[in-house]
mmCIF file of all heavy atoms, coordinates in Angstrom:
data_MODEL
# 
_entry.id   MODEL 
# 
loop_
_atom_site.group_PDB 
_atom_site.id 
_atom_site.type_symbol 
_atom_site.label_atom_id 
_atom_site.label_alt_id 
_atom_site.label_comp_id 
_atom_site.label_asym_id 
_atom_site.label_entity_id 
_atom_site.label_seq_id 
_atom_site.pdbx_PDB_ins_code 
_atom_site.Cartn_x 
_atom_site.Cartn_y 
_atom_site.Cartn_z 
_atom_site.occupancy 
_atom_site.B_iso_or_equiv 
_atom_site.pdbx_formal_charge 
_atom_site.auth_seq_id 
_atom_site.auth_comp_id 
_atom_site.auth_asym_id 
_atom_site.auth_atom_id 
_atom_site.pdbx_PDB_model_num 
ATOM 1   N N   . ALA A 1 1  ? 7.723  -4.072  6.938   1.00 0.00 ? 1  ALA A N   1 
ATOM 2   C CA  . ALA A 1 1  ? 7.781  -3.422  8.195   1.00 0.00 ? 1  ALA A CA  1 
ATOM 3   C C   . ALA A 1 1  ? 6.647  -2.917  8.749   1.00 0.00 ? 1  ALA A C   1 
ATOM 4   O O   . ALA A 1 1  ? 6.286  -3.150  10.039  1.00 0.00 ? 1  ALA A O   1 
ATOM 5   C CB  . ALA A 1 1  ? 8.834  -2.251  8.009   1.00 0.00 ? 1  ALA A CB  1 
ATOM 6   N N   . LEU A 1 2  ? 5.781  -2.195  7.985   1.00 0.00 ? 2  LEU A N   1 
ATOM 7   C CA  . LEU A 1 2  ? 4.560  -1.722  8.484   1.00 0.00 ? 2  LEU A CA  1 
ATOM 8   C C   . LEU A 1 2  ? 3.562  -2.789  8.828   1.00 0.00 ? 2  LEU A C   1 
ATOM 9   O O   . LEU A 1 2  ? 2.872  -2.790  9.896   1.00 0.00 ? 2  LEU A O   1 
ATOM 10  C CB  . LEU A 1 2  ? 3.769  -0.747  7.477   1.00 0.00 ? 2  LEU A CB  1 
ATOM 11  C CG  . LEU A 1 2  ? 4.674  0.554   7.332   1.00 0.00 ? 2  LEU A CG  1 
ATOM 12  C CD1 . LEU A 1 2  ? 4.155  1.220   5.988   1.00 0.00 ? 2  LEU A CD1 1 
ATOM 13  C CD2 . LEU A 1 2  ? 4.354  1.477   8.499   1.00 0.00 ? 2  LEU A CD2 1 
ATOM 14  N N   . LYS A 1 3  ? 3.514  -3.866  8.033   1.00 0.00 ? 3  LYS A N   1 
ATOM 15  C CA  . LYS A 1 3  ? 2.623  -4.947  8.284   1.00 0.00 ? 3  LYS A CA  1 
ATOM 16  C C   . LYS A 1 3  ? 2.898  -5.714  9.616   1.00 0.00 ? 3  LYS A C   1 
ATOM 17  O O   . LYS A 1 3  ? 2.059  -6.273  10.252  1.00 0.00 ? 3  LYS A O   1 
ATOM 18  C CB  . LYS A 1 3  ? 2.543  -5.989  7.098   1.00 0.00 ? 3  LYS A CB  1 
ATOM 19  C CG  . LYS A 1 3  ? 2.031  -5.394  5.918   1.00 0.00 ? 3  LYS A CG  1 
ATOM 20  C CD  . LYS A 1 3  ? 0.575  -5.314  5.818   1.00 0.00 ? 3  LYS A CD  1 
ATOM 21  C CE  . LYS A 1 3  ? 0.033  -5.024  4.428   1.00 0.00 ? 3  LYS A CE  1 
ATOM 22  N NZ  . LYS A 1 3  ? -1.441 -4.905  4.386   1.00 0.00 ? 3  LYS A NZ  1 
ATOM 23  N N   . ALA A 1 4  ? 4.238  -5.601  10.102  1.00 0.00 ? 4  ALA A N   1 
ATOM 24  C CA  . ALA A 1 4  ? 4.619  -6.348  11.262  1.00 0.00 ? 4  ALA A CA  1 
ATOM 25  C C   . ALA A 1 4  ? 4.522  -5.588  12.649  1.00 0.00 ? 4  ALA A C   1 
ATOM 26  O O   . ALA A 1 4  ? 4.627  -6.074  13.552  1.00 0.00 ? 4  ALA A O   1 
ATOM 27  C CB  . ALA A 1 4  ? 6.073  -6.625  11.024  1.00 0.00 ? 4  ALA A CB  1 
ATOM 28  N N   . LEU A 1 5  ? 4.103  -4.198  12.476  1.00 0.00 ? 5  LEU A N   1 
ATOM 29  C CA  . LEU A 1 5  ? 4.155  -3.376  13.655  1.00 0.00 ? 5  LEU A CA  1 
ATOM 30  C C   . LEU A 1 5  ? 2.768  -2.963  14.085  1.00 0.00 ? 5  LEU A C   1 
ATOM 31  O O   . LEU A 1 5  ? 2.001  -2.560  13.164  1.00 0.00 ? 5  LEU A O   1 
ATOM 32  C CB  . LEU A 1 5  ? 5.035  -2.186  13.405  1.00 0.00 ? 5  LEU A CB  1 
ATOM 33  C CG  . LEU A 1 5  ? 6.488  -2.432  13.107  1.00 0.00 ? 5  LEU A CG  1 
ATOM 34  C CD1 . LEU A 1 5  ? 7.126  -1.108  12.648  1.00 0.00 ? 5  LEU A CD1 1 
ATOM 35  C CD2 . LEU A 1 5  ? 7.096  -2.947  14.513  1.00 0.00 ? 5  LEU A CD2 1 
ATOM 36  N N   . PRO A 1 6  ? 2.328  -3.122  15.323  1.00 0.00 ? 6  PRO A N   1 
ATOM 37  C CA  . PRO A 1 6  ? 1.001  -2.786  15.804  1.00 0.00 ? 6  PRO A CA  1 
ATOM 38  C C   . PRO A 1 6  ? 0.579  -1.388  15.695  1.00 0.00 ? 6  PRO A C   1 
ATOM 39  O O   . PRO A 1 6  ? -0.560 -1.056  15.731  1.00 0.00 ? 6  PRO A O   1 
ATOM 40  C CB  . PRO A 1 6  ? 0.957  -3.422  17.221  1.00 0.00 ? 6  PRO A CB  1 
ATOM 41  C CG  . PRO A 1 6  ? 2.401  -3.348  17.696  1.00 0.00 ? 6  PRO A CG  1 
ATOM 42  C CD  . PRO A 1 6  ? 3.228  -3.570  16.474  1.00 0.00 ? 6  PRO A CD  1 
ATOM 43  N N   . ASP A 1 7  ? 1.609  -0.489  15.666  1.00 0.00 ? 7  ASP A N   1 
ATOM 44  C CA  . ASP A 1 7  ? 1.290  0.994   15.855  1.00 0.00 ? 7  ASP A CA  1 
ATOM 45  C C   . ASP A 1 7  ? 0.810  1.591   14.520  1.00 0.00 ? 7  ASP A C   1 
ATOM 46  O O   . ASP A 1 7  ? 0.228  2.659   14.431  1.00 0.00 ? 7  ASP A O   1 
ATOM 47  C CB  . ASP A 1 7  ? 2.470  1.733   16.178  1.00 0.00 ? 7  ASP A CB  1 
ATOM 48  C CG  . ASP A 1 7  ? 2.816  1.606   17.670  1.00 0.00 ? 7  ASP A CG  1 
ATOM 49  O OD1 . ASP A 1 7  ? 1.888  1.110   18.524  1.00 0.00 ? 7  ASP A OD1 1 
ATOM 50  O OD2 . ASP A 1 7  ? 3.922  2.073   18.150  1.00 0.00 ? 7  ASP A OD2 1 
ATOM 51  N N   . TYR A 1 8  ? 0.937  0.792   13.329  1.00 0.00 ? 8  TYR A N   1 
ATOM 52  C CA  . TYR A 1 8  ? 0.760  1.356   12.024  1.00 0.00 ? 8  TYR A CA  1 
ATOM 53  C C   . TYR A 1 8  ? -0.199 0.589   11.321  1.00 0.00 ? 8  TYR A C   1 
ATOM 54  O O   . TYR A 1 8  ? -0.566 -0.592  11.469  1.00 0.00 ? 8  TYR A O   1 
ATOM 55  C CB  . TYR A 1 8  ? 2.087  1.336   11.290  1.00 0.00 ? 8  TYR A CB  1 
ATOM 56  C CG  . TYR A 1 8  ? 3.017  2.220   11.822  1.00 0.00 ? 8  TYR A CG  1 
ATOM 57  C CD1 . TYR A 1 8  ? 4.035  1.764   12.808  1.00 0.00 ? 8  TYR A CD1 1 
ATOM 58  C CD2 . TYR A 1 8  ? 3.209  3.608   11.459  1.00 0.00 ? 8  TYR A CD2 1 
ATOM 59  C CE1 . TYR A 1 8  ? 4.899  2.582   13.339  1.00 0.00 ? 8  TYR A CE1 1 
ATOM 60  C CE2 . TYR A 1 8  ? 4.061  4.396   11.959  1.00 0.00 ? 8  TYR A CE2 1 
ATOM 61  C CZ  . TYR A 1 8  ? 5.030  4.028   12.879  1.00 0.00 ? 8  TYR A CZ  1 
ATOM 62  O OH  . TYR A 1 8  ? 6.005  4.743   13.489  1.00 0.00 ? 8  TYR A OH  1 
ATOM 63  N N   . GLU A 1 9  ? -0.987 1.289   10.349  1.00 0.00 ? 9  GLU A N   1 
ATOM 64  C CA  . GLU A 1 9  ? -1.871 0.735   9.400   1.00 0.00 ? 9  GLU A CA  1 
ATOM 65  C C   . GLU A 1 9  ? -1.575 1.347   8.015   1.00 0.00 ? 9  GLU A C   1 
ATOM 66  O O   . GLU A 1 9  ? -1.598 2.496   7.780   1.00 0.00 ? 9  GLU A O   1 
ATOM 67  C CB  . GLU A 1 9  ? -3.337 0.954   9.782   1.00 0.00 ? 9  GLU A CB  1 
ATOM 68  C CG  . GLU A 1 9  ? -4.249 0.159   8.887   1.00 0.00 ? 9  GLU A CG  1 
ATOM 69  C CD  . GLU A 1 9  ? -5.711 0.382   9.492   1.00 0.00 ? 9  GLU A CD  1 
ATOM 70  O OE1 . GLU A 1 9  ? -6.293 1.421   9.166   1.00 0.00 ? 9  GLU A OE1 1 
ATOM 71  O OE2 . GLU A 1 9  ? -6.107 -0.609  10.113  1.00 0.00 ? 9  GLU A OE2 1 
ATOM 72  N N   . LEU A 1 10 ? -1.224 0.431   7.000   1.00 0.00 ? 10 LEU A N   1 
ATOM 73  C CA  . LEU A 1 10 ? -1.037 1.006   5.669   1.00 0.00 ? 10 LEU A CA  1 
ATOM 74  C C   . LEU A 1 10 ? -2.354 1.190   4.914   1.00 0.00 ? 10 LEU A C   1 
ATOM 75  O O   . LEU A 1 10 ? -3.106 0.226   4.733   1.00 0.00 ? 10 LEU A O   1 
ATOM 76  C CB  . LEU A 1 10 ? -0.130 -0.043  4.881   1.00 0.00 ? 10 LEU A CB  1 
ATOM 77  C CG  . LEU A 1 10 ? 0.235  0.329   3.418   1.00 0.00 ? 10 LEU A CG  1 
ATOM 78  C CD1 . LEU A 1 10 ? 0.930  1.618   3.354   1.00 0.00 ? 10 LEU A CD1 1 
ATOM 79  C CD2 . LEU A 1 10 ? 1.137  -0.755  2.868   1.00 0.00 ? 10 LEU A CD2 1 
ATOM 80  N N   . ARG A 1 11 ? -2.755 2.490   4.714   1.00 0.00 ? 11 ARG A N   1 
ATOM 81  C CA  . ARG A 1 11 ? -4.030 2.767   4.197   1.00 0.00 ? 11 ARG A CA  1 
ATOM 82  C C   . ARG A 1 11 ? -4.152 3.116   2.808   1.00 0.00 ? 11 ARG A C   1 
ATOM 83  O O   . ARG A 1 11 ? -5.118 3.225   2.277   1.00 0.00 ? 11 ARG A O   1 
ATOM 84  C CB  . ARG A 1 11 ? -4.577 3.891   5.044   1.00 0.00 ? 11 ARG A CB  1 
ATOM 85  C CG  . ARG A 1 11 ? -4.923 3.344   6.572   1.00 0.00 ? 11 ARG A CG  1 
ATOM 86  C CD  . ARG A 1 11 ? -5.286 4.467   7.569   1.00 0.00 ? 11 ARG A CD  1 
ATOM 87  N NE  . ARG A 1 11 ? -5.599 3.990   8.816   1.00 0.00 ? 11 ARG A NE  1 
ATOM 88  C CZ  . ARG A 1 11 ? -5.702 4.734   9.783   1.00 0.00 ? 11 ARG A CZ  1 
ATOM 89  N NH1 . ARG A 1 11 ? -5.671 6.081   9.751   1.00 0.00 ? 11 ARG A NH1 1 
ATOM 90  N NH2 . ARG A 1 11 ? -5.949 4.291   11.107  1.00 0.00 ? 11 ARG A NH2 1 
ATOM 91  N N   . ALA A 1 12 ? -3.036 3.511   2.107   1.00 0.00 ? 12 ALA A N   1 
ATOM 92  C CA  . ALA A 1 12 ? -2.982 4.055   0.789   1.00 0.00 ? 12 ALA A CA  1 
ATOM 93  C C   . ALA A 1 12 ? -1.686 3.895   0.050   1.00 0.00 ? 12 ALA A C   1 
ATOM 94  O O   . ALA A 1 12 ? -0.689 3.866   0.684   1.00 0.00 ? 12 ALA A O   1 
ATOM 95  C CB  . ALA A 1 12 ? -3.440 5.528   0.709   1.00 0.00 ? 12 ALA A CB  1 
ATOM 96  N N   . ILE A 1 13 ? -1.776 3.695   -1.225  1.00 0.00 ? 13 ILE A N   1 
ATOM 97  C CA  . ILE A 1 13 ? -0.601 3.516   -2.146  1.00 0.00 ? 13 ILE A CA  1 
ATOM 98  C C   . ILE A 1 13 ? -0.801 4.207   -3.265  1.00 0.00 ? 13 ILE A C   1 
ATOM 99  O O   . ILE A 1 13 ? -1.874 4.377   -3.869  1.00 0.00 ? 13 ILE A O   1 
ATOM 100 C CB  . ILE A 1 13 ? -0.435 2.016   -2.483  1.00 0.00 ? 13 ILE A CB  1 
ATOM 101 C CG1 . ILE A 1 13 ? 0.284  1.236   -1.275  1.00 0.00 ? 13 ILE A CG1 1 
ATOM 102 C CG2 . ILE A 1 13 ? 0.377  1.801   -3.824  1.00 0.00 ? 13 ILE A CG2 1 
ATOM 103 C CD1 . ILE A 1 13 ? 0.427  -0.263  -1.540  1.00 0.00 ? 13 ILE A CD1 1 
ATOM 104 N N   . SER A 1 14 ? 0.367  4.962   -3.780  1.00 0.00 ? 14 SER A N   1 
ATOM 105 C CA  . SER A 1 14 ? 0.298  5.718   -4.944  1.00 0.00 ? 14 SER A CA  1 
ATOM 106 C C   . SER A 1 14 ? 1.455  5.235   -5.891  1.00 0.00 ? 14 SER A C   1 
ATOM 107 O O   . SER A 1 14 ? 2.617  5.077   -5.410  1.00 0.00 ? 14 SER A O   1 
ATOM 108 C CB  . SER A 1 14 ? 0.382  7.171   -4.707  1.00 0.00 ? 14 SER A CB  1 
ATOM 109 O OG  . SER A 1 14 ? 0.617  7.933   -5.917  1.00 0.00 ? 14 SER A OG  1 
ATOM 110 N N   . THR A 1 15 ? 1.250  4.976   -7.134  1.00 0.00 ? 15 THR A N   1 
ATOM 111 C CA  . THR A 1 15 ? 2.285  4.840   -8.189  1.00 0.00 ? 15 THR A CA  1 
ATOM 112 C C   . THR A 1 15 ? 2.008  5.663   -9.369  1.00 0.00 ? 15 THR A C   1 
ATOM 113 O O   . THR A 1 15 ? 0.935  6.361   -9.355  1.00 0.00 ? 15 THR A O   1 
ATOM 114 C CB  . THR A 1 15 ? 2.307  3.207   -8.608  1.00 0.00 ? 15 THR A CB  1 
ATOM 115 O OG1 . THR A 1 15 ? 1.131  2.967   -9.244  1.00 0.00 ? 15 THR A OG1 1 
ATOM 116 C CG2 . THR A 1 15 ? 2.428  2.357   -7.373  1.00 0.00 ? 15 THR A CG2 1 
ATOM 117 N N   . SER A 1 16 ? 2.820  5.553   -10.275 1.00 0.00 ? 16 SER A N   1 
ATOM 118 C CA  . SER A 1 16 ? 2.662  6.472   -11.565 1.00 0.00 ? 16 SER A CA  1 
ATOM 119 C C   . SER A 1 16 ? 1.547  5.964   -12.419 1.00 0.00 ? 16 SER A C   1 
ATOM 120 O O   . SER A 1 16 ? 1.159  6.805   -13.216 1.00 0.00 ? 16 SER A O   1 
ATOM 121 C CB  . SER A 1 16 ? 4.079  6.530   -12.214 1.00 0.00 ? 16 SER A CB  1 
ATOM 122 O OG  . SER A 1 16 ? 4.397  5.252   -12.698 1.00 0.00 ? 16 SER A OG  1 
ATOM 123 N N   . ARG A 1 17 ? 1.044  4.898   -12.299 1.00 0.00 ? 17 ARG A N   1 
ATOM 124 C CA  . ARG A 1 17 ? 0.002  4.280   -13.205 1.00 0.00 ? 17 ARG A CA  1 
ATOM 125 C C   . ARG A 1 17 ? -1.107 3.683   -12.365 1.00 0.00 ? 17 ARG A C   1 
ATOM 126 O O   . ARG A 1 17 ? -0.886 2.928   -11.453 1.00 0.00 ? 17 ARG A O   1 
ATOM 127 C CB  . ARG A 1 17 ? 0.570  3.258   -14.197 1.00 0.00 ? 17 ARG A CB  1 
ATOM 128 C CG  . ARG A 1 17 ? 1.496  3.933   -15.224 1.00 0.00 ? 17 ARG A CG  1 
ATOM 129 C CD  . ARG A 1 17 ? 1.997  2.951   -16.240 1.00 0.00 ? 17 ARG A CD  1 
ATOM 130 N NE  . ARG A 1 17 ? 2.834  1.844   -15.549 1.00 0.00 ? 17 ARG A NE  1 
ATOM 131 C CZ  . ARG A 1 17 ? 2.358  0.500   -15.468 1.00 0.00 ? 17 ARG A CZ  1 
ATOM 132 N NH1 . ARG A 1 17 ? 1.006  0.193   -15.832 1.00 0.00 ? 17 ARG A NH1 1 
ATOM 133 N NH2 . ARG A 1 17 ? 2.956  -0.264  -14.869 1.00 0.00 ? 17 ARG A NH2 1 
ATOM 134 N N   . ARG A 1 18 ? -2.427 3.939   -12.767 1.00 0.00 ? 18 ARG A N   1 
ATOM 135 C CA  . ARG A 1 18 ? -3.481 3.303   -12.035 1.00 0.00 ? 18 ARG A CA  1 
ATOM 136 C C   . ARG A 1 18 ? -3.378 1.806   -12.014 1.00 0.00 ? 18 ARG A C   1 
ATOM 137 O O   . ARG A 1 18 ? -3.651 1.265   -10.886 1.00 0.00 ? 18 ARG A O   1 
ATOM 138 C CB  . ARG A 1 18 ? -4.850 3.750   -12.872 1.00 0.00 ? 18 ARG A CB  1 
ATOM 139 C CG  . ARG A 1 18 ? -6.040 3.039   -12.394 1.00 0.00 ? 18 ARG A CG  1 
ATOM 140 C CD  . ARG A 1 18 ? -6.311 3.276   -10.843 1.00 0.00 ? 18 ARG A CD  1 
ATOM 141 N NE  . ARG A 1 18 ? -6.773 4.690   -10.709 1.00 0.00 ? 18 ARG A NE  1 
ATOM 142 C CZ  . ARG A 1 18 ? -7.204 5.188   -9.551  1.00 0.00 ? 18 ARG A CZ  1 
ATOM 143 N NH1 . ARG A 1 18 ? -7.408 4.303   -8.440  1.00 0.00 ? 18 ARG A NH1 1 
ATOM 144 N NH2 . ARG A 1 18 ? -7.435 6.486   -9.344  1.00 0.00 ? 18 ARG A NH2 1 
ATOM 145 N N   . GLU A 1 19 ? -3.003 1.198   -13.040 1.00 0.00 ? 19 GLU A N   1 
ATOM 146 C CA  . GLU A 1 19 ? -3.021 -0.236  -13.036 1.00 0.00 ? 19 GLU A CA  1 
ATOM 147 C C   . GLU A 1 19 ? -2.026 -0.806  -11.978 1.00 0.00 ? 19 GLU A C   1 
ATOM 148 O O   . GLU A 1 19 ? -2.315 -1.809  -11.344 1.00 0.00 ? 19 GLU A O   1 
ATOM 149 C CB  . GLU A 1 19 ? -2.626 -0.784  -14.447 1.00 0.00 ? 19 GLU A CB  1 
ATOM 150 C CG  . GLU A 1 19 ? -3.612 -0.546  -15.533 1.00 0.00 ? 19 GLU A CG  1 
ATOM 151 C CD  . GLU A 1 19 ? -3.404 1.028   -16.114 1.00 0.00 ? 19 GLU A CD  1 
ATOM 152 O OE1 . GLU A 1 19 ? -2.455 1.746   -15.679 1.00 0.00 ? 19 GLU A OE1 1 
ATOM 153 O OE2 . GLU A 1 19 ? -4.301 1.316   -16.997 1.00 0.00 ? 19 GLU A OE2 1 
ATOM 154 N N   . SER A 1 20 ? -0.804 -0.233  -12.005 1.00 0.00 ? 20 SER A N   1 
ATOM 155 C CA  . SER A 1 20 ? 0.247  -0.698  -11.044 1.00 0.00 ? 20 SER A CA  1 
ATOM 156 C C   . SER A 1 20 ? -0.153 -0.477  -9.634  1.00 0.00 ? 20 SER A C   1 
ATOM 157 O O   . SER A 1 20 ? 0.005  -1.205  -8.755  1.00 0.00 ? 20 SER A O   1 
ATOM 158 C CB  . SER A 1 20 ? 1.654  -0.054  -11.318 1.00 0.00 ? 20 SER A CB  1 
ATOM 159 O OG  . SER A 1 20 ? 1.606  1.357   -11.229 1.00 0.00 ? 20 SER A OG  1 
ATOM 160 N N   . ALA A 1 21 ? -0.852 0.724   -9.454  1.00 0.00 ? 21 ALA A N   1 
ATOM 161 C CA  . ALA A 1 21 ? -1.320 1.239   -8.080  1.00 0.00 ? 21 ALA A CA  1 
ATOM 162 C C   . ALA A 1 21 ? -2.415 0.176   -7.598  1.00 0.00 ? 21 ALA A C   1 
ATOM 163 O O   . ALA A 1 21 ? -2.320 -0.362  -6.446  1.00 0.00 ? 21 ALA A O   1 
ATOM 164 C CB  . ALA A 1 21 ? -1.922 2.448   -7.915  1.00 0.00 ? 21 ALA A CB  1 
ATOM 165 N N   . GLU A 1 22 ? -3.376 -0.220  -8.327  1.00 0.00 ? 22 GLU A N   1 
ATOM 166 C CA  . GLU A 1 22 ? -4.375 -1.197  -8.007  1.00 0.00 ? 22 GLU A CA  1 
ATOM 167 C C   . GLU A 1 22 ? -3.902 -2.567  -7.781  1.00 0.00 ? 22 GLU A C   1 
ATOM 168 O O   . GLU A 1 22 ? -4.271 -3.276  -6.891  1.00 0.00 ? 22 GLU A O   1 
ATOM 169 C CB  . GLU A 1 22 ? -5.486 -1.030  -9.068  1.00 0.00 ? 22 GLU A CB  1 
ATOM 170 C CG  . GLU A 1 22 ? -6.286 0.159   -9.103  1.00 0.00 ? 22 GLU A CG  1 
ATOM 171 C CD  . GLU A 1 22 ? -7.426 0.171   -10.116 1.00 0.00 ? 22 GLU A CD  1 
ATOM 172 O OE1 . GLU A 1 22 ? -7.321 -0.771  -10.982 1.00 0.00 ? 22 GLU A OE1 1 
ATOM 173 O OE2 . GLU A 1 22 ? -8.215 1.056   -10.098 1.00 0.00 ? 22 GLU A OE2 1 
ATOM 174 N N   . ARG A 1 23 ? -2.880 -2.878  -8.688  1.00 0.00 ? 23 ARG A N   1 
ATOM 175 C CA  . ARG A 1 23 ? -2.227 -4.224  -8.483  1.00 0.00 ? 23 ARG A CA  1 
ATOM 176 C C   . ARG A 1 23 ? -1.377 -4.324  -7.111  1.00 0.00 ? 23 ARG A C   1 
ATOM 177 O O   . ARG A 1 23 ? -1.508 -5.297  -6.430  1.00 0.00 ? 23 ARG A O   1 
ATOM 178 C CB  . ARG A 1 23 ? -1.312 -4.511  -9.628  1.00 0.00 ? 23 ARG A CB  1 
ATOM 179 C CG  . ARG A 1 23 ? -0.701 -5.890  -9.671  1.00 0.00 ? 23 ARG A CG  1 
ATOM 180 C CD  . ARG A 1 23 ? -0.171 -6.240  -10.946 1.00 0.00 ? 23 ARG A CD  1 
ATOM 181 N NE  . ARG A 1 23 ? 0.867  -5.396  -11.524 1.00 0.00 ? 23 ARG A NE  1 
ATOM 182 C CZ  . ARG A 1 23 ? 0.816  -4.471  -12.384 1.00 0.00 ? 23 ARG A CZ  1 
ATOM 183 N NH1 . ARG A 1 23 ? -0.344 -4.348  -13.115 1.00 0.00 ? 23 ARG A NH1 1 
ATOM 184 N NH2 . ARG A 1 23 ? 1.753  -3.674  -12.643 1.00 0.00 ? 23 ARG A NH2 1 
ATOM 185 N N   . ALA A 1 24 ? -0.701 -3.305  -6.830  1.00 0.00 ? 24 ALA A N   1 
ATOM 186 C CA  . ALA A 1 24 ? 0.066  -3.234  -5.532  1.00 0.00 ? 24 ALA A CA  1 
ATOM 187 C C   . ALA A 1 24 ? -1.025 -3.202  -4.445  1.00 0.00 ? 24 ALA A C   1 
ATOM 188 O O   . ALA A 1 24 ? -0.687 -3.827  -3.262  1.00 0.00 ? 24 ALA A O   1 
ATOM 189 C CB  . ALA A 1 24 ? 0.804  -2.021  -5.490  1.00 0.00 ? 24 ALA A CB  1 
ATOM 190 N N   . ALA A 1 25 ? -1.998 -2.466  -4.543  1.00 0.00 ? 25 ALA A N   1 
ATOM 191 C CA  . ALA A 1 25 ? -2.974 -2.335  -3.287  1.00 0.00 ? 25 ALA A CA  1 
ATOM 192 C C   . ALA A 1 25 ? -3.659 -3.777  -3.133  1.00 0.00 ? 25 ALA A C   1 
ATOM 193 O O   . ALA A 1 25 ? -3.756 -4.158  -2.010  1.00 0.00 ? 25 ALA A O   1 
ATOM 194 C CB  . ALA A 1 25 ? -4.056 -1.412  -3.619  1.00 0.00 ? 25 ALA A CB  1 
ATOM 195 N N   . LYS A 1 26 ? -3.923 -4.433  -4.179  1.00 0.00 ? 26 LYS A N   1 
ATOM 196 C CA  . LYS A 1 26 ? -4.432 -5.758  -4.064  1.00 0.00 ? 26 LYS A CA  1 
ATOM 197 C C   . LYS A 1 26 ? -3.430 -6.782  -3.460  1.00 0.00 ? 26 LYS A C   1 
ATOM 198 O O   . LYS A 1 26 ? -3.667 -7.569  -2.520  1.00 0.00 ? 26 LYS A O   1 
ATOM 199 C CB  . LYS A 1 26 ? -5.023 -6.319  -5.307  1.00 0.00 ? 26 LYS A CB  1 
ATOM 200 C CG  . LYS A 1 26 ? -5.615 -7.704  -5.295  1.00 0.00 ? 26 LYS A CG  1 
ATOM 201 C CD  . LYS A 1 26 ? -6.150 -8.176  -6.688  1.00 0.00 ? 26 LYS A CD  1 
ATOM 202 C CE  . LYS A 1 26 ? -6.725 -9.503  -6.583  1.00 0.00 ? 26 LYS A CE  1 
ATOM 203 N NZ  . LYS A 1 26 ? -7.188 -10.019 -7.887  1.00 0.00 ? 26 LYS A NZ  1 
# 
């Protein structure tokens, strides 16, 4: 949804583990 809308920019992601957070961010 955010990727499709011009008003928004997804700038950060948080998960419970560093590995999953970095994987999702990539």
